[in-house]
C-alpha atoms as a PDB file:
ATOM      1  CA  MET A   1     -76.342  73.451 242.846  1.00  0.00           C
ATOM      2  CA  GLU A   2     -77.217  76.384 240.231  1.00  0.00           C
ATOM      3  CA  ARG A   3     -74.599  78.829 240.149  1.00  0.00           C
ATOM      4  CA  SER A   4     -75.161  82.201 241.644  1.00  0.00           C
ATOM      5  CA  ARG A   5     -74.707  85.419 238.650  1.00  0.00           C
ATOM      6  CA  ILE A   6     -72.274  87.947 238.615  1.00  0.00           C
ATOM      7  CA  VAL A   7     -71.908  91.038 236.568  1.00  0.00           C
ATOM      8  CA  ALA A   8     -68.520  92.810 237.897  1.00  0.00           C
ATOM      9  CA  ALA A   9     -67.597  96.541 236.651  1.00  0.00           C
ATOM     10  CA  ASN A  10     -64.220  97.753 236.057  1.00  0.00           C
ATOM     11  CA  TRP A  11     -64.099 101.053 235.675  1.00  0.00           C
ATOM     12  CA  LYS A  12     -60.079 100.970 235.064  1.00  0.00           C
ATOM     13  CA  MET A  13     -58.601 104.444 235.076  1.00  0.00           C
ATOM     14  CA  ASN A  14     -62.176 106.727 234.858  1.00  0.00           C
ATOM     15  CA  VAL A  15     -63.971 108.725 236.266  1.00  0.00           C
ATOM     16  CA  LEU A  16     -62.857 111.289 238.778  1.00  0.00           C
ATOM     17  CA  PRO A  17     -62.966 110.642 243.224  1.00  0.00           C
ATOM     18  CA  SER A  18     -65.749 113.732 242.884  1.00  0.00           C
ATOM     19  CA  GLU A  19     -67.857 111.820 240.528  1.00  0.00           C
ATOM     20  CA  ALA A  20     -67.733 108.238 241.163  1.00  0.00           C
ATOM     21  CA  MET A  21     -70.252 108.297 244.053  1.00  0.00           C
ATOM     22  CA  SER A  22     -73.176 109.832 241.639  1.00  0.00           C
ATOM     23  CA  LEU A  23     -72.244 107.284 239.219  1.00  0.00           C
ATOM     24  CA  ALA A  24     -71.953 104.118 241.450  1.00  0.00           C
ATOM     25  CA  GLY A  25     -75.366 105.258 243.566  1.00  0.00           C
ATOM     26  CA  GLN A  26     -77.098 105.432 240.444  1.00  0.00           C
ATOM     27  CA  VAL A  27     -76.041 101.634 240.196  1.00  0.00           C
ATOM     28  CA  ALA A  28     -76.902 101.384 243.795  1.00  0.00           C
ATOM     29  CA  GLN A  29     -80.006 102.873 243.296  1.00  0.00           C
ATOM     30  CA  ALA A  30     -81.189  99.993 240.517  1.00  0.00           C
ATOM     31  CA  LEU A  31     -80.404  97.341 242.389  1.00  0.00           C
ATOM     32  CA  PRO A  32     -81.357  94.409 243.730  1.00  0.00           C
ATOM     33  CA  ILE A  33     -81.743  92.533 240.337  1.00  0.00           C
ATOM     34  CA  LYS A  34     -82.926  89.109 241.093  1.00  0.00           C
ATOM     35  CA  ASN A  35     -80.368  86.278 241.171  1.00  0.00           C
ATOM     36  CA  VAL A  36     -76.965  88.990 239.841  1.00  0.00           C
ATOM     37  CA  GLU A  37     -74.467  89.956 242.557  1.00  0.00           C
ATOM     38  CA  VAL A  38     -72.779  92.690 241.543  1.00  0.00           C
ATOM     39  CA  ILE A  39     -69.357  94.624 241.674  1.00  0.00           C
ATOM     40  CA  ILE A  40     -68.211  98.029 241.336  1.00  0.00           C
ATOM     41  CA  CYS A  41     -64.029  97.865 240.809  1.00  0.00           C
ATOM     42  CA  PRO A  42     -63.414 101.651 240.554  1.00  0.00           C
ATOM     43  CA  PRO A  43     -59.846 103.271 241.031  1.00  0.00           C
ATOM     44  CA  PHE A  44     -57.583 103.168 244.262  1.00  0.00           C
ATOM     45  CA  THR A  45     -58.794 106.506 244.864  1.00  0.00           C
ATOM     46  CA  HIS A  46     -62.433 105.706 244.445  1.00  0.00           C
ATOM     47  CA  LEU A  47     -62.550 102.806 247.023  1.00  0.00           C
ATOM     48  CA  PHE A  48     -63.332 104.634 250.834  1.00  0.00           C
ATOM     49  CA  SER A  49     -65.439 106.605 249.537  1.00  0.00           C
ATOM     50  CA  LEU A  50     -67.562 103.922 247.876  1.00  0.00           C
ATOM     51  CA  MET A  51     -67.633 101.780 250.420  1.00  0.00           C
ATOM     52  CA  SER A  52     -70.856 103.426 251.976  1.00  0.00           C
ATOM     53  CA  LEU A  53     -72.639 101.625 249.409  1.00  0.00           C
ATOM     54  CA  GLN A  54     -71.614  98.153 249.418  1.00  0.00           C
ATOM     55  CA  SER A  55     -74.786  95.794 250.291  1.00  0.00           C
ATOM     56  CA  GLU A  56     -75.826  92.295 249.530  1.00  0.00           C
ATOM     57  CA  SER A  57     -76.577  93.251 246.118  1.00  0.00           C
ATOM     58  CA  LEU A  58     -73.594  95.629 245.470  1.00  0.00           C
ATOM     59  CA  LYS A  59     -70.123  95.016 246.277  1.00  0.00           C
ATOM     60  CA  ILE A  60     -66.702  97.180 245.992  1.00  0.00           C
ATOM     61  CA  GLY A  61     -63.391  95.424 244.894  1.00  0.00           C
ATOM     62  CA  ALA A  62     -60.131  96.840 243.707  1.00  0.00           C
ATOM     63  CA  GLN A  63     -58.612  96.609 240.537  1.00  0.00           C
ATOM     64  CA  ASN A  64     -55.313  95.241 241.726  1.00  0.00           C
ATOM     65  CA  CYS A  65     -52.997  94.449 244.446  1.00  0.00           C
ATOM     66  CA  ASN A  66     -49.665  93.492 245.761  1.00  0.00           C
ATOM     67  CA  GLU A  67     -48.793  90.163 246.942  1.00  0.00           C
ATOM     68  CA  ASN A  68     -46.444  91.446 249.921  1.00  0.00           C
ATOM     69  CA  PRO A  69     -48.277  91.886 253.276  1.00  0.00           C
ATOM     70  CA  PHE A  70     -46.271  95.745 253.569  1.00  0.00           C
ATOM     71  CA  GLY A  71     -43.268  96.870 252.842  1.00  0.00           C
ATOM     72  CA  ALA A  72     -40.802  98.950 250.393  1.00  0.00           C
ATOM     73  CA  HIS A  73     -43.674  99.294 247.778  1.00  0.00           C
ATOM     74  CA  THR A  74     -43.762 102.636 246.771  1.00  0.00           C
ATOM     75  CA  GLY A  75     -46.898 103.078 244.686  1.00  0.00           C
ATOM     76  CA  ASP A  76     -48.533  99.604 245.253  1.00  0.00           C
ATOM     77  CA  ILE A  77     -51.679  98.887 247.749  1.00  0.00           C
ATOM     78  CA  SER A  78     -51.713  95.597 249.854  1.00  0.00           C
ATOM     79  CA  ALA A  79     -54.387  93.272 249.691  1.00  0.00           C
ATOM     80  CA  GLN A  80     -54.419  93.716 253.768  1.00  0.00           C
ATOM     81  CA  MET A  81     -55.205  97.267 253.107  1.00  0.00           C
ATOM     82  CA  LEU A  82     -57.625  96.484 251.209  1.00  0.00           C
ATOM     83  CA  LYS A  83     -59.258  93.742 253.186  1.00  0.00           C
ATOM     84  CA  ASP A  84     -59.005  96.778 256.181  1.00  0.00           C
ATOM     85  CA  LEU A  85     -61.039  99.412 253.782  1.00  0.00           C
ATOM     86  CA  GLY A  86     -64.036  96.701 253.680  1.00  0.00           C
ATOM     87  CA  CYS A  87     -62.900  95.605 250.134  1.00  0.00           C
ATOM     88  CA  SER A  88     -64.902  92.057 249.045  1.00  0.00           C
ATOM     89  CA  TYR A  89     -62.945  91.162 245.194  1.00  0.00           C
ATOM     90  CA  VAL A  90     -60.388  91.975 243.978  1.00  0.00           C
ATOM     91  CA  ILE A  91     -59.108  91.912 240.249  1.00  0.00           C
ATOM     92  CA  ILE A  92     -55.940  89.580 239.365  1.00  0.00           C
ATOM     93  CA  GLY A  93     -54.529  88.680 236.496  1.00  0.00           C
ATOM     94  CA  HIS A  94     -56.092  91.791 234.183  1.00  0.00           C
ATOM     95  CA  SER A  95     -54.852  91.256 230.374  1.00  0.00           C
ATOM     96  CA  GLU A  96     -53.793  95.220 230.656  1.00  0.00           C
ATOM     97  CA  ARG A  97     -51.402  94.313 233.424  1.00  0.00           C
ATOM     98  CA  ARG A  98     -50.479  91.501 231.949  1.00  0.00           C
ATOM     99  CA  ALA A  99     -48.942  93.151 228.837  1.00  0.00           C
ATOM    100  CA  ARG A 100     -47.933  95.890 230.522  1.00  0.00           C
ATOM    101  CA  GLN A 101     -45.944  95.511 233.624  1.00  0.00           C
ATOM    102  CA  SER A 102     -42.797  92.858 233.199  1.00  0.00           C
ATOM    103  CA  THR A 103     -42.822  91.108 236.342  1.00  0.00           C
ATOM    104  CA  GLU A 104     -47.501  91.045 235.988  1.00  0.00           C
ATOM    105  CA  ASN A 105     -47.132  86.946 234.812  1.00  0.00           C
ATOM    106  CA  ALA A 106     -44.590  85.491 237.739  1.00  0.00           C
ATOM    107  CA  ARG A 107     -46.539  87.727 240.515  1.00  0.00           C
ATOM    108  CA  ILE A 108     -50.175  86.285 239.428  1.00  0.00           C
ATOM    109  CA  SER A 109     -49.771  83.195 241.911  1.00  0.00           C
ATOM    110  CA  ALA A 110     -48.199  84.990 244.762  1.00  0.00           C
ATOM    111  CA  LYS A 111     -51.177  87.503 244.846  1.00  0.00           C
ATOM    112  CA  ILE A 112     -54.113  85.305 244.371  1.00  0.00           C
ATOM    113  CA  ARG A 113     -52.363  83.786 247.516  1.00  0.00           C
ATOM    114  CA  ALA A 114     -52.501  87.109 249.566  1.00  0.00           C
ATOM    115  CA  ALA A 115     -55.714  88.166 248.376  1.00  0.00           C
ATOM    116  CA  LEU A 116     -57.334  84.543 249.648  1.00  0.00           C
ATOM    117  CA  GLN A 117     -55.121  85.060 253.070  1.00  0.00           C
ATOM    118  CA  THR A 118     -57.184  88.202 253.935  1.00  0.00           C
ATOM    119  CA  GLY A 119     -60.308  87.157 253.035  1.00  0.00           C
ATOM    120  CA  LEU A 120     -60.680  88.910 249.843  1.00  0.00           C
ATOM    121  CA  LYS A 121     -62.835  86.927 247.003  1.00  0.00           C
ATOM    122  CA  PRO A 122     -60.106  87.119 243.170  1.00  0.00           C
ATOM    123  CA  ILE A 123     -61.133  88.118 240.062  1.00  0.00           C
ATOM    124  CA  TYR A 124     -58.654  85.878 237.914  1.00  0.00           C
ATOM    125  CA  CYS A 125     -58.525  87.068 234.849  1.00  0.00           C
ATOM    126  CA  CYS A 126     -57.503  84.963 231.750  1.00  0.00           C
ATOM    127  CA  GLY A 127     -57.419  84.893 228.265  1.00  0.00           C
ATOM    128  CA  GLU A 128     -55.378  84.822 224.747  1.00  0.00           C
ATOM    129  CA  GLY A 129     -54.429  87.880 221.825  1.00  0.00           C
ATOM    130  CA  LEU A 130     -55.623  88.016 218.758  1.00  0.00           C
ATOM    131  CA  PRO A 131     -51.885  85.805 217.227  1.00  0.00           C
ATOM    132  CA  ILE A 132     -52.742  82.983 219.572  1.00  0.00           C
ATOM    133  CA  ARG A 133     -56.397  82.918 218.323  1.00  0.00           C
ATOM    134  CA  GLU A 134     -55.781  83.173 214.842  1.00  0.00           C
ATOM    135  CA  LYS A 135     -53.439  79.979 215.056  1.00  0.00           C
ATOM    136  CA  GLU A 136     -56.102  77.891 216.962  1.00  0.00           C
ATOM    137  CA  ALA A 137     -53.850  77.884 219.959  1.00  0.00           C
ATOM    138  CA  HIS A 138     -55.892  79.716 222.104  1.00  0.00           C
ATOM    139  CA  ILE A 139     -57.216  76.283 224.101  1.00  0.00           C
ATOM    140  CA  GLU A 140     -53.999  75.404 224.688  1.00  0.00           C
ATOM    141  CA  PHE A 141     -52.751  78.730 225.727  1.00  0.00           C
ATOM    142  CA  VAL A 142     -55.489  79.484 228.721  1.00  0.00           C
ATOM    143  CA  LYS A 143     -55.198  75.886 230.279  1.00  0.00           C
ATOM    144  CA  ASP A 144     -51.400  77.137 230.342  1.00  0.00           C
ATOM    145  CA  GLN A 145     -52.140  80.053 231.963  1.00  0.00           C
ATOM    146  CA  LEU A 146     -54.669  77.830 234.534  1.00  0.00           C
ATOM    147  CA  GLU A 147     -51.641  75.705 235.166  1.00  0.00           C
ATOM    148  CA  THR A 148     -48.593  78.159 236.106  1.00  0.00           C
ATOM    149  CA  ASP A 149     -51.602  80.475 237.922  1.00  0.00           C
ATOM    150  CA  LEU A 150     -53.898  78.198 239.633  1.00  0.00           C
ATOM    151  CA  SER A 151     -52.591  74.447 239.721  1.00  0.00           C
ATOM    152  CA  THR A 152     -50.700  74.827 243.194  1.00  0.00           C
ATOM    153  CA  LEU A 153     -53.666  76.241 245.090  1.00  0.00           C
ATOM    154  CA  GLN A 154     -55.923  74.106 247.432  1.00  0.00           C
ATOM    155  CA  THR A 155     -59.150  73.024 246.994  1.00  0.00           C
ATOM    156  CA  GLY A 156     -60.282  75.743 249.539  1.00  0.00           C
ATOM    157  CA  HIS A 157     -59.038  78.142 247.510  1.00  0.00           C
ATOM    158  CA  ILE A 158     -60.543  77.814 244.568  1.00  0.00           C
ATOM    159  CA  GLU A 159     -63.871  77.711 245.946  1.00  0.00           C
ATOM    160  CA  GLU A 160     -63.339  81.395 246.623  1.00  0.00           C
ATOM    161  CA  ILE A 161     -61.740  82.356 243.048  1.00  0.00           C
ATOM    162  CA  VAL A 162     -64.200  83.552 240.395  1.00  0.00           C
ATOM    163  CA  ILE A 163     -62.371  83.283 237.090  1.00  0.00           C
ATOM    164  CA  ALA A 164     -62.845  85.733 234.122  1.00  0.00           C
ATOM    165  CA  TYR A 165     -62.389  84.867 230.250  1.00  0.00           C
ATOM    166  CA  GLU A 166     -61.276  87.556 228.713  1.00  0.00           C
ATOM    167  CA  PRO A 167     -60.235  87.433 225.054  1.00  0.00           C
ATOM    168  CA  VAL A 168     -57.524  89.914 224.598  1.00  0.00           C
ATOM    169  CA  TRP A 169     -58.443  90.771 220.636  1.00  0.00           C
ATOM    170  CA  ALA A 170     -62.016  91.929 222.083  1.00  0.00           C
ATOM    171  CA  ILE A 171     -61.333  94.015 224.575  1.00  0.00           C
ATOM    172  CA  GLY A 172     -61.730  97.831 223.793  1.00  0.00           C
ATOM    173  CA  THR A 173     -61.809  96.803 220.020  1.00  0.00           C
ATOM    174  CA  GLY A 174     -65.413  96.623 219.713  1.00  0.00           C
ATOM    175  CA  LYS A 175     -64.982  92.538 218.537  1.00  0.00           C
ATOM    176  CA  ASN A 176     -66.083  90.350 220.915  1.00  0.00           C
ATOM    177  CA  ALA A 177     -66.338  86.573 221.219  1.00  0.00           C
ATOM    178  CA  SER A 178     -69.483  85.058 219.361  1.00  0.00           C
ATOM    179  CA  PRO A 179     -71.786  83.501 222.211  1.00  0.00           C
ATOM    180  CA  GLU A 180     -70.427  79.982 221.131  1.00  0.00           C
ATOM    181  CA  GLN A 181     -66.685  81.006 220.337  1.00  0.00           C
ATOM    182  CA  ALA A 182     -67.275  81.887 224.801  1.00  0.00           C
ATOM    183  CA  GLN A 183     -68.905  79.087 225.360  1.00  0.00           C
ATOM    184  CA  GLU A 184     -66.457  76.698 224.225  1.00  0.00           C
ATOM    185  CA  MET A 185     -63.394  78.162 226.402  1.00  0.00           C
ATOM    186  CA  HIS A 186     -66.104  78.320 228.935  1.00  0.00           C
ATOM    187  CA  ALA A 187     -66.595  74.848 228.776  1.00  0.00           C
ATOM    188  CA  SER A 188     -62.419  74.276 228.601  1.00  0.00           C
ATOM    189  CA  ILE A 189     -62.250  76.013 231.632  1.00  0.00           C
ATOM    190  CA  ARG A 190     -64.721  74.243 233.490  1.00  0.00           C
ATOM    191  CA  LYS A 191     -63.648  70.901 232.201  1.00  0.00           C
ATOM    192  CA  TRP A 192     -59.848  72.046 233.634  1.00  0.00           C
ATOM    193  CA  LEU A 193     -61.106  72.493 236.974  1.00  0.00           C
ATOM    194  CA  SER A 194     -62.667  69.064 236.871  1.00  0.00           C
ATOM    195  CA  ASP A 195     -59.915  67.717 235.866  1.00  0.00           C
ATOM    196  CA  ARG A 196     -57.424  69.431 238.657  1.00  0.00           C
ATOM    197  CA  PHE A 197     -60.036  70.132 241.417  1.00  0.00           C
ATOM    198  CA  GLY A 198     -62.936  67.685 241.011  1.00  0.00           C
ATOM    199  CA  SER A 199     -66.034  67.709 239.320  1.00  0.00           C
ATOM    200  CA  VAL A 200     -67.915  69.336 242.337  1.00  0.00           C
ATOM    201  CA  LEU A 201     -65.550  72.536 242.173  1.00  0.00           C
ATOM    202  CA  GLY A 202     -65.421  72.322 238.056  1.00  0.00           C
ATOM    203  CA  THR A 203     -69.901  72.784 238.386  1.00  0.00           C
ATOM    204  CA  GLN A 204     -69.381  75.424 241.027  1.00  0.00           C
ATOM    205  CA  THR A 205     -67.145  77.885 239.658  1.00  0.00           C
ATOM    206  CA  ARG A 206     -68.131  81.104 238.482  1.00  0.00           C
ATOM    207  CA  ILE A 207     -66.769  81.886 234.991  1.00  0.00           C
ATOM    208  CA  LEU A 208     -67.380  85.142 233.957  1.00  0.00           C
ATOM    209  CA  TYR A 209     -66.949  86.709 229.904  1.00  0.00           C
ATOM    210  CA  GLY A 210     -65.142  89.714 229.843  1.00  0.00           C
ATOM    211  CA  GLY A 211     -64.280  90.815 226.372  1.00  0.00           C
ATOM    212  CA  SER A 212     -66.625  94.336 224.807  1.00  0.00           C
ATOM    213  CA  VAL A 213     -70.186  93.843 226.894  1.00  0.00           C
ATOM    214  CA  LYS A 214     -72.367  95.520 225.549  1.00  0.00           C
ATOM    215  CA  ALA A 215     -76.715  95.485 226.492  1.00  0.00           C
ATOM    216  CA  VAL A 216     -76.923  94.710 222.423  1.00  0.00           C
ATOM    217  CA  ASN A 217     -74.744  91.154 222.956  1.00  0.00           C
ATOM    218  CA  ALA A 218     -75.178  90.292 226.908  1.00  0.00           C
ATOM    219  CA  LEU A 219     -78.127  88.300 226.914  1.00  0.00           C
ATOM    220  CA  ALA A 220     -76.965  85.798 224.093  1.00  0.00           C
ATOM    221  CA  LEU A 221     -74.008  85.316 225.712  1.00  0.00           C
ATOM    222  CA  ALA A 222     -75.639  85.057 229.713  1.00  0.00           C
ATOM    223  CA  LYS A 223     -77.295  82.635 227.909  1.00  0.00           C
ATOM    224  CA  GLN A 224     -74.786  79.907 227.471  1.00  0.00           C
ATOM    225  CA  ASN A 225     -74.513  77.213 229.825  1.00  0.00           C
ATOM    226  CA  ASP A 226     -71.082  78.082 231.117  1.00  0.00           C
ATOM    227  CA  ILE A 227     -71.160  81.530 231.089  1.00  0.00           C
ATOM    228  CA  ASP A 228     -72.132  83.335 235.051  1.00  0.00           C
ATOM    229  CA  GLY A 229     -71.771  86.800 233.940  1.00  0.00           C
ATOM    230  CA  PHE A 230     -69.613  89.519 232.755  1.00  0.00           C
ATOM    231  CA  LEU A 231     -66.706  91.578 233.793  1.00  0.00           C
ATOM    232  CA  VAL A 232     -67.600  94.527 232.079  1.00  0.00           C
ATOM    233  CA  GLY A 233     -65.310  97.397 231.012  1.00  0.00           C
ATOM    234  CA  GLY A 234     -66.161 100.479 228.755  1.00  0.00           C
ATOM    235  CA  ALA A 235     -70.235  99.588 229.336  1.00  0.00           C
ATOM    236  CA  SER A 236     -70.039 100.011 232.989  1.00  0.00           C
ATOM    237  CA  LEU A 237     -69.301 104.061 232.734  1.00  0.00           C
ATOM    238  CA  ASN A 238     -72.973 104.257 231.068  1.00  0.00           C
ATOM    239  CA  VAL A 239     -75.389 103.609 234.011  1.00  0.00           C
ATOM    240  CA  ASP A 240     -78.414 102.484 231.640  1.00  0.00           C
ATOM    241  CA  GLU A 241     -76.192 100.323 229.394  1.00  0.00           C
ATOM    242  CA  PHE A 242     -74.434  98.642 232.416  1.00  0.00           C
ATOM    243  CA  ILE A 243     -78.099  98.256 234.121  1.00  0.00           C
ATOM    244  CA  LYS A 244     -79.643  96.174 230.747  1.00  0.00           C
ATOM    245  CA  ILE A 245     -76.821  94.307 230.762  1.00  0.00           C
ATOM    246  CA  VAL A 246     -77.503  93.200 234.807  1.00  0.00           C
ATOM    247  CA  HIS A 247     -80.840  92.986 233.369  1.00  0.00           C
ATOM    248  CA  SER A 248     -79.822  90.468 231.041  1.00  0.00           C
ATOM    249  CA  VAL A 249     -77.821  88.056 232.866  1.00  0.00           C
ATOM    250  CA  SER A 250     -80.947  88.371 235.945  1.00  0.00           C
ATOM    251  CA  GLU A 251     -82.774  87.168 233.071  1.00  0.00           C
ATOM    252  CA  SER A 252     -80.683  84.367 232.033  1.00  0.00           C
ATOM    253  CA  ALA A 253     -80.579  83.026 235.237  1.00  0.00           C
ATOM    254  CA  ASN A 254     -84.628  82.853 235.495  1.00  0.00           C
ATOM    255  CA  ASP A 255     -84.494  80.895 231.823  1.00  0.00           C
END
């Protein structure tokens, strides 16, 4: 079975609430684009206003969630709140949070479970920093992340997860993994899934690439056998650039 394609926009801490509908609305007007599901993940403050744009071809997701259903967690948002608001997806384990939040790595598995229990689909992020890549230890490093964060989940849970490989050294640096480097890691992730959960899930799980994706490099990356789309950061803030990336994914799916 051919895997469906995804392009997810991670706006990070960008775009004012008063600007969000204009930006997201321009994306919505360009959809649907054949064979591609588009997801916009804006800051929490924008989620409510963007729900009216959600459709079969455009989904709204959040950038993080707390692993607890409720309680004294000032400043946090629960998966239940996101689902009640209408969110479809939530990013979990983004490299920026792993690097800047001292407890993040230990909480990722619980966050995934919380999201799944409410019916949200996690976009689970993994990836290595430059020192790991330079030591050529990147394959084992990402396998260790997968083991820590996903190995205790049930097969039914894995079916609902989208994995995003982020080479940390390529995020916001203007660098990007070559198509061959990205394919190597995606194939390794897919093999780990097959070994752990069976060949069917290994084959069907969607694995995105995220790391300075732009229109100029999107098609070459999207044509790789094990890359099913992108998690796009800075380029998602430019509508023309972002839509070109989506079209590249669509074109690769039609090849």
